[in-house]
Amino acid sequence: MRKIFTRMMAVVPVLLVLACGSAPAPAPAPAPAAPALSNGTIILDGATAYTVVKGDTLSRIAARTYGGSNMYYFPLISLANPEVVRDPDVLAVGTRLTVPNLQRNLNDAGAVSALREGMIAAAALYERRNQPKSAANLRNLARKLPE
């Protein structure tokens, strides 16, 4: 960081000299559009960033960020990060995840519908892995989500 700053400070005077003898600068380009506040139907407004550490799973991250009793809301994190989450139990250390705000998503009908589908898909995965308790908990929670 210090090297970059030092190099930038050496370049600035040169750029100032060149700028004084040149034509006026063109008008600035229009600002880029604001980033999307949703990922399909998942609300990302109010989301936080999380970096995966050794031993993390999505359910552990959900328990840590949403509260221990909310660990089965982990499909919400998976739905917000489809490009990096392939398996909720296998995460690469150092991966940056977007962790959506749980309450904002529970207040949105589209997000709740996507979350319900994500929970049912995760339940099927745990059923195949011979983890019926996790599968049942996910299905029960999916049924209790508001319509």
N, C-alpha and C. Protein backbone atom coordinates (compact mmCIF):
# COMPACT_ATOMS: atom_id res chain seq x y z
N MET A 1 0.83 -1.18 0.00
CA MET A 1 0.00 0.00 0.00
C MET A 1 0.88 1.25 0.00
N ARG A 2 1.95 1.22 0.78
CA ARG A 2 2.84 2.37 0.86
C ARG A 2 3.53 2.62 -0.48
N LYS A 3 3.94 1.53 -1.18
CA LYS A 3 4.58 1.66 -2.49
C LYS A 3 3.63 2.30 -3.49
N ILE A 4 2.38 1.86 -3.47
CA ILE A 4 1.40 2.41 -4.40
C ILE A 4 1.21 3.90 -4.15
N PHE A 5 1.10 4.28 -2.89
CA PHE A 5 0.92 5.68 -2.54
C PHE A 5 2.13 6.51 -2.99
N THR A 6 3.33 5.99 -2.77
CA THR A 6 4.55 6.70 -3.15
C THR A 6 4.61 6.88 -4.67
N ARG A 7 4.27 5.86 -5.40
CA ARG A 7 4.28 5.95 -6.87
C ARG A 7 3.23 6.94 -7.36
N MET A 8 2.08 6.93 -6.74
CA MET A 8 1.03 7.86 -7.15
C MET A 8 1.47 9.30 -6.90
N MET A 9 2.15 9.52 -5.78
CA MET A 9 2.61 10.87 -5.46
C MET A 9 3.69 11.34 -6.44
N ALA A 10 4.44 10.41 -7.02
CA ALA A 10 5.46 10.78 -8.01
C ALA A 10 4.81 11.10 -9.35
N VAL A 11 3.69 10.49 -9.66
CA VAL A 11 3.03 10.67 -10.95
C VAL A 11 2.17 11.93 -10.98
N VAL A 12 1.61 12.32 -9.86
CA VAL A 12 0.69 13.46 -9.80
C VAL A 12 1.32 14.75 -10.33
N PRO A 13 2.53 15.14 -9.92
CA PRO A 13 3.11 16.39 -10.46
C PRO A 13 3.28 16.34 -11.98
N VAL A 14 3.64 15.19 -12.52
CA VAL A 14 3.80 15.07 -13.97
C VAL A 14 2.46 15.27 -14.65
N LEU A 15 1.44 14.67 -14.11
CA LEU A 15 0.10 14.82 -14.69
C LEU A 15 -0.39 16.26 -14.61
N LEU A 16 -0.05 16.96 -13.53
CA LEU A 16 -0.45 18.36 -13.40
C LEU A 16 0.24 19.22 -14.46
N VAL A 17 1.51 18.97 -14.71
CA VAL A 17 2.25 19.73 -15.73
C VAL A 17 1.64 19.49 -17.10
N LEU A 18 1.35 18.23 -17.40
CA LEU A 18 0.75 17.90 -18.69
C LEU A 18 -0.65 18.49 -18.82
N ALA A 19 -1.40 18.50 -17.76
CA ALA A 19 -2.77 19.00 -17.80
C ALA A 19 -2.82 20.51 -18.02
N CYS A 20 -1.85 21.25 -17.55
CA CYS A 20 -1.85 22.70 -17.69
C CYS A 20 -1.73 23.12 -19.14
N GLY A 21 -1.06 22.36 -19.96
CA GLY A 21 -0.85 22.73 -21.35
C GLY A 21 -1.78 22.00 -22.31
N SER A 22 -2.75 21.28 -21.84
CA SER A 22 -3.60 20.51 -22.74
C SER A 22 -4.98 21.14 -22.86
N ALA A 23 -5.76 20.59 -23.76
CA ALA A 23 -7.13 21.05 -23.99
C ALA A 23 -7.97 20.74 -22.75
N PRO A 24 -9.11 21.44 -22.63
CA PRO A 24 -9.96 21.16 -21.47
C PRO A 24 -10.44 19.71 -21.46
N ALA A 25 -10.62 19.23 -20.29
CA ALA A 25 -11.04 17.83 -20.13
C ALA A 25 -12.47 17.66 -20.65
N PRO A 26 -12.74 16.50 -21.25
CA PRO A 26 -14.10 16.25 -21.73
C PRO A 26 -15.06 16.11 -20.54
N ALA A 27 -16.32 16.28 -20.84
CA ALA A 27 -17.33 16.13 -19.79
C ALA A 27 -17.27 14.72 -19.22
N PRO A 28 -17.48 14.57 -17.91
CA PRO A 28 -17.41 13.24 -17.32
C PRO A 28 -18.53 12.34 -17.85
N ALA A 29 -18.22 11.07 -17.91
CA ALA A 29 -19.22 10.09 -18.35
C ALA A 29 -20.31 10.00 -17.29
N PRO A 30 -21.52 9.65 -17.72
CA PRO A 30 -22.59 9.52 -16.73
C PRO A 30 -22.24 8.45 -15.69
N ALA A 31 -22.70 8.66 -14.49
CA ALA A 31 -22.42 7.71 -13.40
C ALA A 31 -23.09 6.38 -13.72
N PRO A 32 -22.43 5.27 -13.34
CA PRO A 32 -23.06 3.97 -13.57
C PRO A 32 -24.33 3.84 -12.75
N ALA A 33 -25.20 2.98 -13.22
CA ALA A 33 -26.45 2.74 -12.50
C ALA A 33 -26.15 2.18 -11.12
N ALA A 34 -27.03 2.44 -10.20
CA ALA A 34 -26.87 1.90 -8.85
C ALA A 34 -26.90 0.39 -8.90
N PRO A 35 -26.14 -0.27 -8.03
CA PRO A 35 -26.14 -1.73 -8.04
C PRO A 35 -27.52 -2.28 -7.72
N ALA A 36 -27.80 -3.43 -8.28
CA ALA A 36 -29.09 -4.07 -8.04
C ALA A 36 -29.25 -4.38 -6.57
N LEU A 37 -30.46 -4.20 -6.08
CA LEU A 37 -30.72 -4.47 -4.68
C LEU A 37 -31.39 -5.82 -4.49
N SER A 38 -31.40 -6.62 -5.55
CA SER A 38 -31.93 -7.98 -5.41
C SER A 38 -31.13 -8.91 -6.30
N ASN A 39 -31.19 -10.17 -5.99
CA ASN A 39 -30.54 -11.21 -6.77
C ASN A 39 -31.67 -12.11 -7.24
N GLY A 40 -32.30 -11.75 -8.34
CA GLY A 40 -33.51 -12.46 -8.73
C GLY A 40 -34.62 -11.99 -7.81
N THR A 41 -35.04 -12.83 -6.90
CA THR A 41 -36.09 -12.44 -5.97
C THR A 41 -35.57 -12.28 -4.54
N ILE A 42 -34.29 -12.53 -4.32
CA ILE A 42 -33.71 -12.35 -2.98
C ILE A 42 -33.34 -10.88 -2.81
N ILE A 43 -33.76 -10.29 -1.71
CA ILE A 43 -33.48 -8.88 -1.43
C ILE A 43 -32.07 -8.76 -0.86
N LEU A 44 -31.24 -7.96 -1.53
CA LEU A 44 -29.87 -7.77 -1.06
C LEU A 44 -29.67 -6.44 -0.34
N ASP A 45 -30.70 -5.60 -0.35
CA ASP A 45 -30.64 -4.35 0.38
C ASP A 45 -30.47 -4.67 1.87
N GLY A 46 -29.44 -4.14 2.48
CA GLY A 46 -29.16 -4.42 3.89
C GLY A 46 -28.32 -5.66 4.12
N ALA A 47 -27.84 -6.27 3.04
CA ALA A 47 -26.99 -7.47 3.17
C ALA A 47 -25.64 -7.10 3.75
N THR A 48 -24.97 -8.09 4.33
CA THR A 48 -23.62 -7.91 4.84
C THR A 48 -22.69 -8.87 4.12
N ALA A 49 -21.40 -8.60 4.21
CA ALA A 49 -20.40 -9.47 3.60
C ALA A 49 -19.82 -10.37 4.69
N TYR A 50 -19.48 -11.58 4.29
CA TYR A 50 -18.88 -12.53 5.22
C TYR A 50 -17.79 -13.29 4.47
N THR A 51 -16.64 -13.48 5.11
CA THR A 51 -15.55 -14.25 4.53
C THR A 51 -15.48 -15.60 5.23
N VAL A 52 -15.54 -16.66 4.44
CA VAL A 52 -15.56 -18.02 4.95
C VAL A 52 -14.24 -18.34 5.66
N VAL A 53 -14.35 -18.95 6.84
CA VAL A 53 -13.18 -19.42 7.58
C VAL A 53 -13.25 -20.95 7.66
N LYS A 54 -12.15 -21.55 8.04
CA LYS A 54 -12.07 -23.00 8.14
C LYS A 54 -13.18 -23.54 9.04
N GLY A 55 -13.85 -24.59 8.56
CA GLY A 55 -14.91 -25.23 9.33
C GLY A 55 -16.30 -24.66 9.10
N ASP A 56 -16.41 -23.58 8.33
CA ASP A 56 -17.71 -22.98 8.08
C ASP A 56 -18.58 -23.84 7.17
N THR A 57 -19.85 -23.82 7.46
CA THR A 57 -20.90 -24.33 6.56
C THR A 57 -21.94 -23.22 6.50
N LEU A 58 -22.84 -23.31 5.55
CA LEU A 58 -23.85 -22.27 5.46
C LEU A 58 -24.74 -22.24 6.71
N SER A 59 -25.04 -23.40 7.27
CA SER A 59 -25.88 -23.40 8.47
C SER A 59 -25.15 -22.75 9.64
N ARG A 60 -23.86 -22.93 9.76
CA ARG A 60 -23.10 -22.28 10.83
C ARG A 60 -23.07 -20.76 10.63
N ILE A 61 -22.91 -20.36 9.38
CA ILE A 61 -22.90 -18.92 9.09
C ILE A 61 -24.28 -18.33 9.38
N ALA A 62 -25.34 -19.04 8.99
CA ALA A 62 -26.70 -18.56 9.27
C ALA A 62 -26.94 -18.47 10.77
N ALA A 63 -26.50 -19.48 11.52
CA ALA A 63 -26.67 -19.45 12.97
C ALA A 63 -25.93 -18.26 13.57
N ARG A 64 -24.75 -17.99 13.07
CA ARG A 64 -23.93 -16.89 13.59
C ARG A 64 -24.54 -15.53 13.25
N THR A 65 -25.06 -15.39 12.03
CA THR A 65 -25.55 -14.07 11.61
C THR A 65 -27.03 -13.86 11.88
N TYR A 66 -27.83 -14.91 11.81
CA TYR A 66 -29.28 -14.77 12.01
C TYR A 66 -29.71 -15.19 13.41
N GLY A 67 -28.81 -15.78 14.17
CA GLY A 67 -29.15 -16.30 15.50
C GLY A 67 -29.23 -17.81 15.44
N GLY A 68 -28.77 -18.46 16.50
CA GLY A 68 -28.66 -19.92 16.53
C GLY A 68 -29.91 -20.67 16.13
N SER A 69 -31.07 -20.18 16.52
CA SER A 69 -32.30 -20.90 16.18
C SER A 69 -32.69 -20.72 14.72
N ASN A 70 -32.01 -19.87 14.00
CA ASN A 70 -32.33 -19.60 12.60
C ASN A 70 -31.35 -20.24 11.63
N MET A 71 -30.64 -21.27 12.07
CA MET A 71 -29.63 -21.89 11.23
C MET A 71 -30.21 -22.49 9.95
N TYR A 72 -31.48 -22.88 9.97
CA TYR A 72 -32.08 -23.51 8.79
C TYR A 72 -32.52 -22.49 7.73
N TYR A 73 -32.23 -21.22 7.96
CA TYR A 73 -32.46 -20.22 6.93
C TYR A 73 -31.25 -20.11 5.99
N PHE A 74 -30.31 -21.03 6.12
CA PHE A 74 -29.09 -20.97 5.30
C PHE A 74 -29.35 -20.98 3.79
N PRO A 75 -30.46 -21.56 3.27
CA PRO A 75 -30.68 -21.48 1.82
C PRO A 75 -30.77 -20.05 1.30
N LEU A 76 -31.14 -19.10 2.17
CA LEU A 76 -31.17 -17.70 1.76
C LEU A 76 -29.78 -17.23 1.36
N ILE A 77 -28.77 -17.64 2.11
CA ILE A 77 -27.38 -17.27 1.79
C ILE A 77 -26.96 -17.96 0.49
N SER A 78 -27.35 -19.20 0.34
CA SER A 78 -27.04 -19.93 -0.89
C SER A 78 -27.66 -19.27 -2.11
N LEU A 79 -28.92 -18.86 -1.99
CA LEU A 79 -29.61 -18.21 -3.11
C LEU A 79 -28.99 -16.87 -3.48
N ALA A 80 -28.41 -16.19 -2.51
CA ALA A 80 -27.77 -14.91 -2.78
C ALA A 80 -26.38 -15.06 -3.39
N ASN A 81 -25.82 -16.27 -3.36
CA ASN A 81 -24.46 -16.52 -3.84
C ASN A 81 -24.39 -17.72 -4.77
N PRO A 82 -25.23 -17.79 -5.80
CA PRO A 82 -25.27 -18.99 -6.63
C PRO A 82 -23.97 -19.27 -7.38
N GLU A 83 -23.18 -18.23 -7.60
CA GLU A 83 -21.94 -18.42 -8.35
C GLU A 83 -20.82 -19.03 -7.52
N VAL A 84 -20.94 -19.01 -6.20
CA VAL A 84 -19.86 -19.54 -5.36
C VAL A 84 -20.28 -20.67 -4.44
N VAL A 85 -21.58 -20.84 -4.22
CA VAL A 85 -22.03 -21.90 -3.32
C VAL A 85 -22.60 -23.04 -4.14
N ARG A 86 -21.89 -24.14 -4.14
CA ARG A 86 -22.35 -25.35 -4.84
C ARG A 86 -22.89 -26.38 -3.85
N ASP A 87 -22.34 -26.36 -2.64
CA ASP A 87 -22.72 -27.31 -1.60
C ASP A 87 -22.77 -26.55 -0.28
N PRO A 88 -23.88 -26.60 0.45
CA PRO A 88 -23.98 -25.82 1.69
C PRO A 88 -23.02 -26.26 2.79
N ASP A 89 -22.46 -27.45 2.64
CA ASP A 89 -21.55 -27.97 3.66
C ASP A 89 -20.08 -27.90 3.27
N VAL A 90 -19.80 -27.48 2.05
CA VAL A 90 -18.42 -27.41 1.57
C VAL A 90 -18.19 -26.01 0.99
N LEU A 91 -17.46 -25.20 1.75
CA LEU A 91 -17.18 -23.83 1.33
C LEU A 91 -15.67 -23.61 1.33
N ALA A 92 -15.19 -22.94 0.32
CA ALA A 92 -13.75 -22.66 0.22
C ALA A 92 -13.38 -21.53 1.18
N VAL A 93 -12.36 -21.77 1.98
CA VAL A 93 -11.87 -20.75 2.91
C VAL A 93 -11.47 -19.51 2.12
N GLY A 94 -11.87 -18.36 2.62
CA GLY A 94 -11.56 -17.09 1.97
C GLY A 94 -12.63 -16.60 1.01
N THR A 95 -13.62 -17.43 0.72
CA THR A 95 -14.71 -17.03 -0.17
C THR A 95 -15.52 -15.92 0.50
N ARG A 96 -15.81 -14.87 -0.27
CA ARG A 96 -16.64 -13.78 0.24
C ARG A 96 -18.09 -14.06 -0.12
N LEU A 97 -18.94 -14.07 0.88
CA LEU A 97 -20.36 -14.32 0.68
C LEU A 97 -21.17 -13.07 1.00
N THR A 98 -22.26 -12.92 0.29
CA THR A 98 -23.24 -11.91 0.61
C THR A 98 -24.27 -12.57 1.50
N VAL A 99 -24.49 -12.01 2.68
CA VAL A 99 -25.46 -12.56 3.62
C VAL A 99 -26.65 -11.61 3.68
N PRO A 100 -27.76 -12.00 3.04
CA PRO A 100 -28.93 -11.12 2.99
C PRO A 100 -29.53 -10.87 4.37
N ASN A 101 -30.20 -9.76 4.49
CA ASN A 101 -30.93 -9.45 5.71
C ASN A 101 -32.14 -10.37 5.79
N LEU A 102 -32.21 -11.17 6.83
CA LEU A 102 -33.26 -12.17 6.95
C LEU A 102 -34.65 -11.53 7.02
N GLN A 103 -34.81 -10.54 7.88
CA GLN A 103 -36.15 -9.96 8.08
C GLN A 103 -36.67 -9.29 6.81
N ARG A 104 -35.80 -8.59 6.08
CA ARG A 104 -36.26 -7.94 4.84
C ARG A 104 -36.73 -8.98 3.84
N ASN A 105 -36.08 -10.12 3.80
CA ASN A 105 -36.49 -11.17 2.88
C ASN A 105 -37.78 -11.85 3.34
N LEU A 106 -37.95 -11.99 4.64
CA LEU A 106 -39.18 -12.60 5.16
C LEU A 106 -40.39 -11.68 4.98
N ASN A 107 -40.14 -10.40 4.75
CA ASN A 107 -41.22 -9.44 4.53
C ASN A 107 -41.57 -9.28 3.05
N ASP A 108 -40.90 -10.00 2.17
CA ASP A 108 -41.13 -9.88 0.73
C ASP A 108 -41.66 -11.20 0.18
N ALA A 109 -42.82 -11.17 -0.44
CA ALA A 109 -43.47 -12.40 -0.93
C ALA A 109 -42.60 -13.14 -1.95
N GLY A 110 -41.97 -12.42 -2.86
CA GLY A 110 -41.12 -13.07 -3.86
C GLY A 110 -39.91 -13.75 -3.24
N ALA A 111 -39.30 -13.08 -2.27
CA ALA A 111 -38.14 -13.66 -1.59
C ALA A 111 -38.56 -14.87 -0.77
N VAL A 112 -39.70 -14.81 -0.12
CA VAL A 112 -40.19 -15.94 0.68
C VAL A 112 -40.44 -17.14 -0.22
N SER A 113 -41.02 -16.90 -1.39
CA SER A 113 -41.27 -18.00 -2.33
C SER A 113 -39.97 -18.66 -2.77
N ALA A 114 -38.96 -17.83 -3.10
CA ALA A 114 -37.66 -18.37 -3.50
C ALA A 114 -37.00 -19.11 -2.33
N LEU A 115 -37.12 -18.57 -1.13
CA LEU A 115 -36.55 -19.21 0.05
C LEU A 115 -37.21 -20.56 0.30
N ARG A 116 -38.52 -20.60 0.16
CA ARG A 116 -39.25 -21.87 0.35
C ARG A 116 -38.72 -22.93 -0.63
N GLU A 117 -38.58 -22.55 -1.89
CA GLU A 117 -38.05 -23.49 -2.90
C GLU A 117 -36.62 -23.91 -2.56
N GLY A 118 -35.81 -22.95 -2.08
CA GLY A 118 -34.44 -23.27 -1.69
C GLY A 118 -34.39 -24.23 -0.51
N MET A 119 -35.30 -24.06 0.42
CA MET A 119 -35.36 -24.96 1.58
C MET A 119 -35.78 -26.37 1.17
N ILE A 120 -36.73 -26.46 0.26
CA ILE A 120 -37.19 -27.77 -0.20
C ILE A 120 -36.07 -28.48 -0.97
N ALA A 121 -35.33 -27.73 -1.78
CA ALA A 121 -34.20 -28.31 -2.51
C ALA A 121 -33.12 -28.77 -1.54
N ALA A 122 -32.84 -27.97 -0.51
CA ALA A 122 -31.84 -28.35 0.48
C ALA A 122 -32.31 -29.58 1.27
N ALA A 123 -33.61 -29.65 1.56
CA ALA A 123 -34.15 -30.82 2.26
C ALA A 123 -33.93 -32.08 1.44
N ALA A 124 -34.14 -31.99 0.13
CA ALA A 124 -33.92 -33.14 -0.74
C ALA A 124 -32.45 -33.56 -0.73
N LEU A 125 -31.55 -32.58 -0.72
CA LEU A 125 -30.12 -32.88 -0.64
C LEU A 125 -29.80 -33.63 0.65
N TYR A 126 -30.31 -33.16 1.78
CA TYR A 126 -30.04 -33.81 3.05
C TYR A 126 -30.71 -35.18 3.16
N GLU A 127 -31.83 -35.34 2.49
CA GLU A 127 -32.47 -36.65 2.44
C GLU A 127 -31.55 -37.64 1.71
N ARG A 128 -30.98 -37.21 0.58
CA ARG A 128 -30.05 -38.06 -0.18
C ARG A 128 -28.79 -38.38 0.63
N ARG A 129 -28.41 -37.48 1.52
CA ARG A 129 -27.22 -37.67 2.35
C ARG A 129 -27.53 -38.44 3.62
N ASN A 130 -28.73 -38.95 3.71
CA ASN A 130 -29.17 -39.72 4.87
C ASN A 130 -29.09 -38.89 6.16
N GLN A 131 -29.57 -37.66 6.06
CA GLN A 131 -29.67 -36.77 7.21
C GLN A 131 -31.14 -36.34 7.36
N PRO A 132 -32.00 -37.30 7.76
CA PRO A 132 -33.44 -37.03 7.78
C PRO A 132 -33.86 -35.93 8.74
N LYS A 133 -33.14 -35.75 9.84
CA LYS A 133 -33.52 -34.70 10.79
C LYS A 133 -33.37 -33.31 10.16
N SER A 134 -32.25 -33.09 9.50
CA SER A 134 -32.04 -31.80 8.83
C SER A 134 -33.07 -31.60 7.72
N ALA A 135 -33.34 -32.66 6.96
CA ALA A 135 -34.34 -32.58 5.88
C ALA A 135 -35.71 -32.22 6.45
N ALA A 136 -36.10 -32.88 7.52
CA ALA A 136 -37.41 -32.62 8.13
C ALA A 136 -37.49 -31.20 8.68
N ASN A 137 -36.43 -30.73 9.32
CA ASN A 137 -36.43 -29.36 9.85
C ASN A 137 -36.58 -28.33 8.73
N LEU A 138 -35.89 -28.55 7.62
CA LEU A 138 -36.01 -27.63 6.49
C LEU A 138 -37.42 -27.65 5.91
N ARG A 139 -38.00 -28.83 5.74
CA ARG A 139 -39.35 -28.92 5.18
C ARG A 139 -40.38 -28.28 6.12
N ASN A 140 -40.26 -28.52 7.41
CA ASN A 140 -41.18 -27.92 8.37
C ASN A 140 -41.09 -26.40 8.37
N LEU A 141 -39.88 -25.87 8.31
CA LEU A 141 -39.71 -24.42 8.29
C LEU A 141 -40.26 -23.86 6.98
N ALA A 142 -40.04 -24.55 5.87
CA ALA A 142 -40.57 -24.09 4.58
C ALA A 142 -42.09 -24.01 4.63
N ARG A 143 -42.74 -24.98 5.27
CA ARG A 143 -44.20 -24.98 5.39
C ARG A 143 -44.71 -23.82 6.25
N LYS A 144 -43.92 -23.40 7.21
CA LYS A 144 -44.34 -22.34 8.14
C LYS A 144 -44.12 -20.94 7.59
N LEU A 145 -43.38 -20.82 6.47
CA LEU A 145 -43.13 -19.51 5.90
C LEU A 145 -44.45 -18.89 5.45
N PRO A 146 -44.60 -17.58 5.59
CA PRO A 146 -45.84 -16.93 5.18
C PRO A 146 -46.07 -17.08 3.67
N GLU A 147 -47.33 -17.16 3.31
CA GLU A 147 -47.70 -17.28 1.88
C GLU A 147 -47.65 -15.96 1.19
